[in-house]
């Protein structure tokens, strides 16, 4: 089984409002990501909150996964990944059933069921332990990490985070070529939101 970890702990300072609340169509970013994960049959989900947890958590009656708070969110995304990985053991009675985790930042909402399925197929068929999408040669999100690498995140440099794990194992990376630019689209500012989301 591949679990999903959704990272939504950041301050969204440049955006000016929590990114989890931004709309893509009729859904929030968070709802859209969760729906696409479910459509790809990734149903074991952990949502990591932080800076705006008090605002976001009361709105999650629809979410049937595990919600955890990263109290160290100010120290960067790596702390949220570690918080999410730690929570996987709380979600499942049999944690050894978890073969990997797909890490989905909330500020990369333009993902689809199709690319998620392609990543999952790459994970199961390639025998590689790091699966990531590329668009026109550029690597993007989300990324699947095999459970063998979960512990390595604890020793990664905070400034590199997950990229350090990828760089440490170049021969264990499998790239899935995507036809969707959304895998490299980071919605970080109001200008990004207008350019990439409102004009869809």
C-alpha atoms as a PDB file:
ATOM      1  CA  UNK A   1       0.000   0.000   0.000  1.00  0.00           C
ATOM      2  CA  UNK A   2       1.080   3.558  -0.756  1.00  0.00           C
ATOM      3  CA  UNK A   3      -0.189   6.160   1.690  1.00  0.00           C
ATOM      4  CA  UNK A   4      -0.627   9.854   0.972  1.00  0.00           C
ATOM      5  CA  UNK A   5       0.821  12.720   3.004  1.00  0.00           C
ATOM      6  CA  UNK A   6      -0.581  16.180   2.262  1.00  0.00           C
ATOM      7  CA  UNK A   7       1.576  19.063   3.467  1.00  0.00           C
ATOM      8  CA  UNK A   8      -0.412  22.154   4.483  1.00  0.00           C
ATOM      9  CA  UNK A   9       1.552  23.491   7.443  1.00  0.00           C
ATOM     10  CA  UNK A  10       3.212  26.568   5.961  1.00  0.00           C
ATOM     11  CA  UNK A  11       2.356  30.180   6.776  1.00  0.00           C
ATOM     12  CA  UNK A  12       1.265  31.092   3.207  1.00  0.00           C
ATOM     13  CA  UNK A  13       2.828  34.466   3.945  1.00  0.00           C
ATOM     14  CA  UNK A  14       3.331  35.491   0.318  1.00  0.00           C
ATOM     15  CA  UNK A  15      -0.194  34.400  -0.590  1.00  0.00           C
ATOM     16  CA  UNK A  16      -1.767  36.264   2.314  1.00  0.00           C
ATOM     17  CA  UNK A  17      -4.302  33.533   3.058  1.00  0.00           C
ATOM     18  CA  UNK A  18      -4.026  29.788   3.814  1.00  0.00           C
ATOM     19  CA  UNK A  19      -3.476  27.956   0.537  1.00  0.00           C
ATOM     20  CA  UNK A  20      -5.646  25.078   1.728  1.00  0.00           C
ATOM     21  CA  UNK A  21      -8.656  27.419   1.426  1.00  0.00           C
ATOM     22  CA  UNK A  22      -7.950  28.640  -2.106  1.00  0.00           C
ATOM     23  CA  UNK A  23     -10.428  27.456  -4.706  1.00  0.00           C
ATOM     24  CA  UNK A  24      -9.790  25.429  -7.818  1.00  0.00           C
ATOM     25  CA  UNK A  25     -13.154  25.308  -9.515  1.00  0.00           C
ATOM     26  CA  UNK A  26     -15.757  24.586  -6.851  1.00  0.00           C
ATOM     27  CA  UNK A  27     -13.309  22.868  -4.537  1.00  0.00           C
ATOM     28  CA  UNK A  28     -10.585  24.072  -2.241  1.00  0.00           C
ATOM     29  CA  UNK A  29      -7.016  23.086  -3.053  1.00  0.00           C
ATOM     30  CA  UNK A  30      -7.202  20.582  -0.218  1.00  0.00           C
ATOM     31  CA  UNK A  31     -10.464  19.025  -1.383  1.00  0.00           C
ATOM     32  CA  UNK A  32      -9.194  18.731  -4.940  1.00  0.00           C
ATOM     33  CA  UNK A  33      -5.972  17.005  -3.889  1.00  0.00           C
ATOM     34  CA  UNK A  34      -7.833  14.578  -1.637  1.00  0.00           C
ATOM     35  CA  UNK A  35     -10.348  13.781  -4.380  1.00  0.00           C
ATOM     36  CA  UNK A  36      -7.609  13.019  -6.909  1.00  0.00           C
ATOM     37  CA  UNK A  37      -5.811  10.810  -4.386  1.00  0.00           C
ATOM     38  CA  UNK A  38      -9.038   8.910  -3.706  1.00  0.00           C
ATOM     39  CA  UNK A  39      -9.703   8.517  -7.440  1.00  0.00           C
ATOM     40  CA  UNK A  40      -6.223   6.997  -7.732  1.00  0.00           C
ATOM     41  CA  UNK A  41      -7.192   4.655  -4.867  1.00  0.00           C
ATOM     42  CA  UNK A  42      -4.877   6.230  -2.345  1.00  0.00           C
ATOM     43  CA  UNK A  43      -7.231   6.274   0.617  1.00  0.00           C
ATOM     44  CA  UNK A  44      -4.846   6.090   3.564  1.00  0.00           C
ATOM     45  CA  UNK A  45      -4.177   9.800   4.053  1.00  0.00           C
ATOM     46  CA  UNK A  46      -2.379  12.010   6.537  1.00  0.00           C
ATOM     47  CA  UNK A  47      -2.898  15.772   6.494  1.00  0.00           C
ATOM     48  CA  UNK A  48      -0.167  17.833   8.154  1.00  0.00           C
ATOM     49  CA  UNK A  49      -1.233  21.246   9.466  1.00  0.00           C
ATOM     50  CA  UNK A  50       0.797  23.915  11.203  1.00  0.00           C
ATOM     51  CA  UNK A  51       0.625  27.701  10.935  1.00  0.00           C
ATOM     52  CA  UNK A  52      -3.130  27.951  10.338  1.00  0.00           C
ATOM     53  CA  UNK A  53      -4.233  24.750  12.068  1.00  0.00           C
ATOM     54  CA  UNK A  54      -6.801  26.552  14.235  1.00  0.00           C
ATOM     55  CA  UNK A  55      -8.487  27.941  11.134  1.00  0.00           C
ATOM     56  CA  UNK A  56      -8.289  24.857   8.935  1.00  0.00           C
ATOM     57  CA  UNK A  57      -9.049  22.024  11.348  1.00  0.00           C
ATOM     58  CA  UNK A  58     -12.670  23.059  12.121  1.00  0.00           C
ATOM     59  CA  UNK A  59     -13.464  22.908   8.366  1.00  0.00           C
ATOM     60  CA  UNK A  60     -12.374  19.286   7.920  1.00  0.00           C
ATOM     61  CA  UNK A  61     -15.537  17.362   8.809  1.00  0.00           C
ATOM     62  CA  UNK A  62     -15.461  15.965   5.263  1.00  0.00           C
ATOM     63  CA  UNK A  63     -11.912  14.605   5.586  1.00  0.00           C
ATOM     64  CA  UNK A  64     -11.715  10.966   6.694  1.00  0.00           C
ATOM     65  CA  UNK A  65      -7.943  10.676   7.079  1.00  0.00           C
ATOM     66  CA  UNK A  66      -5.602  11.448   9.955  1.00  0.00           C
ATOM     67  CA  UNK A  67      -4.960  15.106  10.814  1.00  0.00           C
ATOM     68  CA  UNK A  68      -1.717  15.928  12.633  1.00  0.00           C
ATOM     69  CA  UNK A  69      -0.172  19.213  13.738  1.00  0.00           C
ATOM     70  CA  UNK A  70       3.457  20.066  13.066  1.00  0.00           C
ATOM     71  CA  UNK A  71       4.400  22.276  15.988  1.00  0.00           C
ATOM     72  CA  UNK A  72       7.771  22.940  14.330  1.00  0.00           C
ATOM     73  CA  UNK A  73       6.373  24.154  11.014  1.00  0.00           C
ATOM     74  CA  UNK A  74       8.496  27.316  11.173  1.00  0.00           C
ATOM     75  CA  UNK A  75      11.601  25.154  10.723  1.00  0.00           C
ATOM     76  CA  UNK A  76      10.605  24.210   7.202  1.00  0.00           C
ATOM     77  CA  UNK A  77       8.864  21.623   5.070  1.00  0.00           C
ATOM     78  CA  UNK A  78      11.125  18.793   6.158  1.00  0.00           C
ATOM     79  CA  UNK A  79       9.609  18.885   9.645  1.00  0.00           C
ATOM     80  CA  UNK A  80       6.155  18.454   8.109  1.00  0.00           C
ATOM     81  CA  UNK A  81       7.281  15.441   6.094  1.00  0.00           C
ATOM     82  CA  UNK A  82       8.711  13.829   9.221  1.00  0.00           C
ATOM     83  CA  UNK A  83       5.503  14.620  11.142  1.00  0.00           C
ATOM     84  CA  UNK A  84       3.466  12.989   8.382  1.00  0.00           C
ATOM     85  CA  UNK A  85       5.667   9.902   8.217  1.00  0.00           C
ATOM     86  CA  UNK A  86       5.468   9.503  11.995  1.00  0.00           C
ATOM     87  CA  UNK A  87       1.676   9.661  11.772  1.00  0.00           C
ATOM     88  CA  UNK A  88       1.473   6.748   9.337  1.00  0.00           C
ATOM     89  CA  UNK A  89       2.122   4.381  12.222  1.00  0.00           C
ATOM     90  CA  UNK A  90      -0.892   5.858  14.005  1.00  0.00           C
ATOM     91  CA  UNK A  91      -3.174   5.445  11.006  1.00  0.00           C
ATOM     92  CA  UNK A  92      -2.508   1.755  10.449  1.00  0.00           C
ATOM     93  CA  UNK A  93      -2.663  -1.133  12.853  1.00  0.00           C
ATOM     94  CA  UNK A  94      -0.149  -2.929  10.638  1.00  0.00           C
ATOM     95  CA  UNK A  95       2.438  -0.306   9.597  1.00  0.00           C
ATOM     96  CA  UNK A  96       4.485  -2.933   7.764  1.00  0.00           C
ATOM     97  CA  UNK A  97       1.713  -2.925   5.168  1.00  0.00           C
ATOM     98  CA  UNK A  98       2.815   0.568   4.111  1.00  0.00           C
ATOM     99  CA  UNK A  99       5.217   0.172   1.217  1.00  0.00           C
ATOM    100  CA  UNK A 100       5.636   3.851   0.477  1.00  0.00           C
ATOM    101  CA  UNK A 101       4.303   7.383   0.879  1.00  0.00           C
ATOM    102  CA  UNK A 102       3.247   9.869  -1.782  1.00  0.00           C
ATOM    103  CA  UNK A 103       4.081  13.372  -0.563  1.00  0.00           C
ATOM    104  CA  UNK A 104       1.762  16.093  -1.864  1.00  0.00           C
ATOM    105  CA  UNK A 105       2.392  19.788  -1.058  1.00  0.00           C
ATOM    106  CA  UNK A 106      -0.861  21.751  -0.943  1.00  0.00           C
ATOM    107  CA  UNK A 107       0.706  24.507  -3.069  1.00  0.00           C
ATOM    108  CA  UNK A 108       0.985  22.078  -6.003  1.00  0.00           C
ATOM    109  CA  UNK A 109      -2.749  21.442  -6.487  1.00  0.00           C
ATOM    110  CA  UNK A 110      -2.750  20.883 -10.240  1.00  0.00           C
ATOM    111  CA  UNK A 111      -2.449  17.139 -10.075  1.00  0.00           C
ATOM    112  CA  UNK A 112      -4.768  14.624 -11.662  1.00  0.00           C
ATOM    113  CA  UNK A 113      -5.856  11.058 -11.160  1.00  0.00           C
ATOM    114  CA  UNK A 114      -3.969  10.120 -14.333  1.00  0.00           C
ATOM    115  CA  UNK A 115      -0.531  11.282 -13.185  1.00  0.00           C
ATOM    116  CA  UNK A 116      -1.062   9.787  -9.734  1.00  0.00           C
ATOM    117  CA  UNK A 117      -1.911   6.424 -11.272  1.00  0.00           C
ATOM    118  CA  UNK A 118       1.162   6.659 -13.515  1.00  0.00           C
ATOM    119  CA  UNK A 119       3.346   7.322 -10.459  1.00  0.00           C
ATOM    120  CA  UNK A 120       1.835   4.366  -8.624  1.00  0.00           C
ATOM    121  CA  UNK A 121       2.397   2.088 -11.596  1.00  0.00           C
ATOM    122  CA  UNK A 122       5.983   3.289 -11.751  1.00  0.00           C
ATOM    123  CA  UNK A 123       6.418   2.448  -8.090  1.00  0.00           C
ATOM    124  CA  UNK A 124       5.109  -1.091  -8.406  1.00  0.00           C
ATOM    125  CA  UNK A 125       6.641  -1.956 -11.787  1.00  0.00           C
ATOM    126  CA  UNK A 126      10.041  -0.263 -11.803  1.00  0.00           C
ATOM    127  CA  UNK A 127      11.359  -1.780  -8.574  1.00  0.00           C
ATOM    128  CA  UNK A 128      12.805   1.665  -7.836  1.00  0.00           C
ATOM    129  CA  UNK A 129      12.201   3.307  -4.482  1.00  0.00           C
ATOM    130  CA  UNK A 130      11.862   6.978  -5.420  1.00  0.00           C
ATOM    131  CA  UNK A 131       9.260   7.821  -8.058  1.00  0.00           C
ATOM    132  CA  UNK A 132       8.836  11.354  -9.322  1.00  0.00           C
ATOM    133  CA  UNK A 133       7.155  13.088 -12.264  1.00  0.00           C
ATOM    134  CA  UNK A 134       8.898  15.227 -14.853  1.00  0.00           C
ATOM    135  CA  UNK A 135       7.560  17.787 -17.309  1.00  0.00           C
ATOM    136  CA  UNK A 136       9.823  18.846 -20.162  1.00  0.00           C
ATOM    137  CA  UNK A 137      12.794  17.578 -18.207  1.00  0.00           C
ATOM    138  CA  UNK A 138      11.914  19.382 -14.971  1.00  0.00           C
ATOM    139  CA  UNK A 139      11.140  17.350 -11.864  1.00  0.00           C
ATOM    140  CA  UNK A 140       7.981  18.105  -9.931  1.00  0.00           C
ATOM    141  CA  UNK A 141       5.432  16.869  -7.383  1.00  0.00           C
ATOM    142  CA  UNK A 142       4.125  14.649  -5.920  1.00  0.00           C
ATOM    143  CA  UNK A 143       6.920  12.180  -5.148  1.00  0.00           C
ATOM    144  CA  UNK A 144       6.676   8.619  -3.833  1.00  0.00           C
ATOM    145  CA  UNK A 145       9.294   7.408  -1.362  1.00  0.00           C
ATOM    146  CA  UNK A 146       9.672   3.763  -0.379  1.00  0.00           C
ATOM    147  CA  UNK A 147       9.440   3.086   3.335  1.00  0.00           C
ATOM    148  CA  UNK A 148      13.124   2.073   3.312  1.00  0.00           C
ATOM    149  CA  UNK A 149      13.928   5.773   3.079  1.00  0.00           C
ATOM    150  CA  UNK A 150      11.528   7.089   5.721  1.00  0.00           C
ATOM    151  CA  UNK A 151      14.221   7.150   8.401  1.00  0.00           C
ATOM    152  CA  UNK A 152      16.616   9.044   6.155  1.00  0.00           C
ATOM    153  CA  UNK A 153      14.489  12.172   6.304  1.00  0.00           C
ATOM    154  CA  UNK A 154      15.502  12.640   9.939  1.00  0.00           C
ATOM    155  CA  UNK A 155      19.119  13.153   8.922  1.00  0.00           C
ATOM    156  CA  UNK A 156      18.488  15.305   5.870  1.00  0.00           C
ATOM    157  CA  UNK A 157      19.735  18.927   5.880  1.00  0.00           C
ATOM    158  CA  UNK A 158      16.702  21.181   6.541  1.00  0.00           C
ATOM    159  CA  UNK A 159      17.587  23.448   3.631  1.00  0.00           C
ATOM    160  CA  UNK A 160      17.416  20.519   1.203  1.00  0.00           C
ATOM    161  CA  UNK A 161      14.713  18.404   2.793  1.00  0.00           C
ATOM    162  CA  UNK A 162      13.359  15.664   0.554  1.00  0.00           C
ATOM    163  CA  UNK A 163      15.753  16.683  -2.233  1.00  0.00           C
ATOM    164  CA  UNK A 164      18.621  15.371  -0.112  1.00  0.00           C
ATOM    165  CA  UNK A 165      17.080  11.895  -0.065  1.00  0.00           C
ATOM    166  CA  UNK A 166      16.625  12.033  -3.842  1.00  0.00           C
ATOM    167  CA  UNK A 167      20.198  13.197  -4.405  1.00  0.00           C
ATOM    168  CA  UNK A 168      21.597  10.498  -2.139  1.00  0.00           C
ATOM    169  CA  UNK A 169      20.069   7.743  -4.291  1.00  0.00           C
ATOM    170  CA  UNK A 170      20.302   8.737  -7.971  1.00  0.00           C
ATOM    171  CA  UNK A 171      20.292   5.103  -9.108  1.00  0.00           C
ATOM    172  CA  UNK A 172      17.076   4.420  -7.238  1.00  0.00           C
ATOM    173  CA  UNK A 173      15.059   7.187  -8.918  1.00  0.00           C
ATOM    174  CA  UNK A 174      12.431   6.418 -11.531  1.00  0.00           C
ATOM    175  CA  UNK A 175      11.105   9.358 -13.525  1.00  0.00           C
ATOM    176  CA  UNK A 176       7.557   9.354 -14.887  1.00  0.00           C
ATOM    177  CA  UNK A 177       7.198  11.666 -17.877  1.00  0.00           C
ATOM    178  CA  UNK A 178       4.053  13.763 -17.470  1.00  0.00           C
ATOM    179  CA  UNK A 179       2.097  15.631 -20.103  1.00  0.00           C
ATOM    180  CA  UNK A 180       0.728  17.977 -17.441  1.00  0.00           C
ATOM    181  CA  UNK A 181       2.584  21.170 -16.524  1.00  0.00           C
ATOM    182  CA  UNK A 182       0.752  21.187 -13.196  1.00  0.00           C
ATOM    183  CA  UNK A 183       3.316  18.878 -11.649  1.00  0.00           C
ATOM    184  CA  UNK A 184       5.867  21.722 -11.772  1.00  0.00           C
ATOM    185  CA  UNK A 185       3.427  24.556 -10.977  1.00  0.00           C
ATOM    186  CA  UNK A 186       3.853  26.054  -7.514  1.00  0.00           C
ATOM    187  CA  UNK A 187       1.039  28.369  -6.394  1.00  0.00           C
ATOM    188  CA  UNK A 188       2.903  30.672  -4.030  1.00  0.00           C
ATOM    189  CA  UNK A 189       1.595  34.203  -4.657  1.00  0.00           C
ATOM    190  CA  UNK A 190      -1.672  35.896  -5.697  1.00  0.00           C
ATOM    191  CA  UNK A 191      -0.075  36.383  -9.120  1.00  0.00           C
ATOM    192  CA  UNK A 192       0.549  32.633  -9.410  1.00  0.00           C
ATOM    193  CA  UNK A 193      -3.043  31.966  -8.415  1.00  0.00           C
ATOM    194  CA  UNK A 194      -4.411  34.325 -11.035  1.00  0.00           C
ATOM    195  CA  UNK A 195      -2.107  33.024 -13.753  1.00  0.00           C
ATOM    196  CA  UNK A 196      -2.490  29.293 -13.217  1.00  0.00           C
ATOM    197  CA  UNK A 197      -5.810  28.759 -11.443  1.00  0.00           C
ATOM    198  CA  UNK A 198      -8.249  31.546 -12.227  1.00  0.00           C
ATOM    199  CA  UNK A 199      -7.541  31.260 -15.943  1.00  0.00           C
ATOM    200  CA  UNK A 200      -8.235  27.511 -16.096  1.00  0.00           C
END
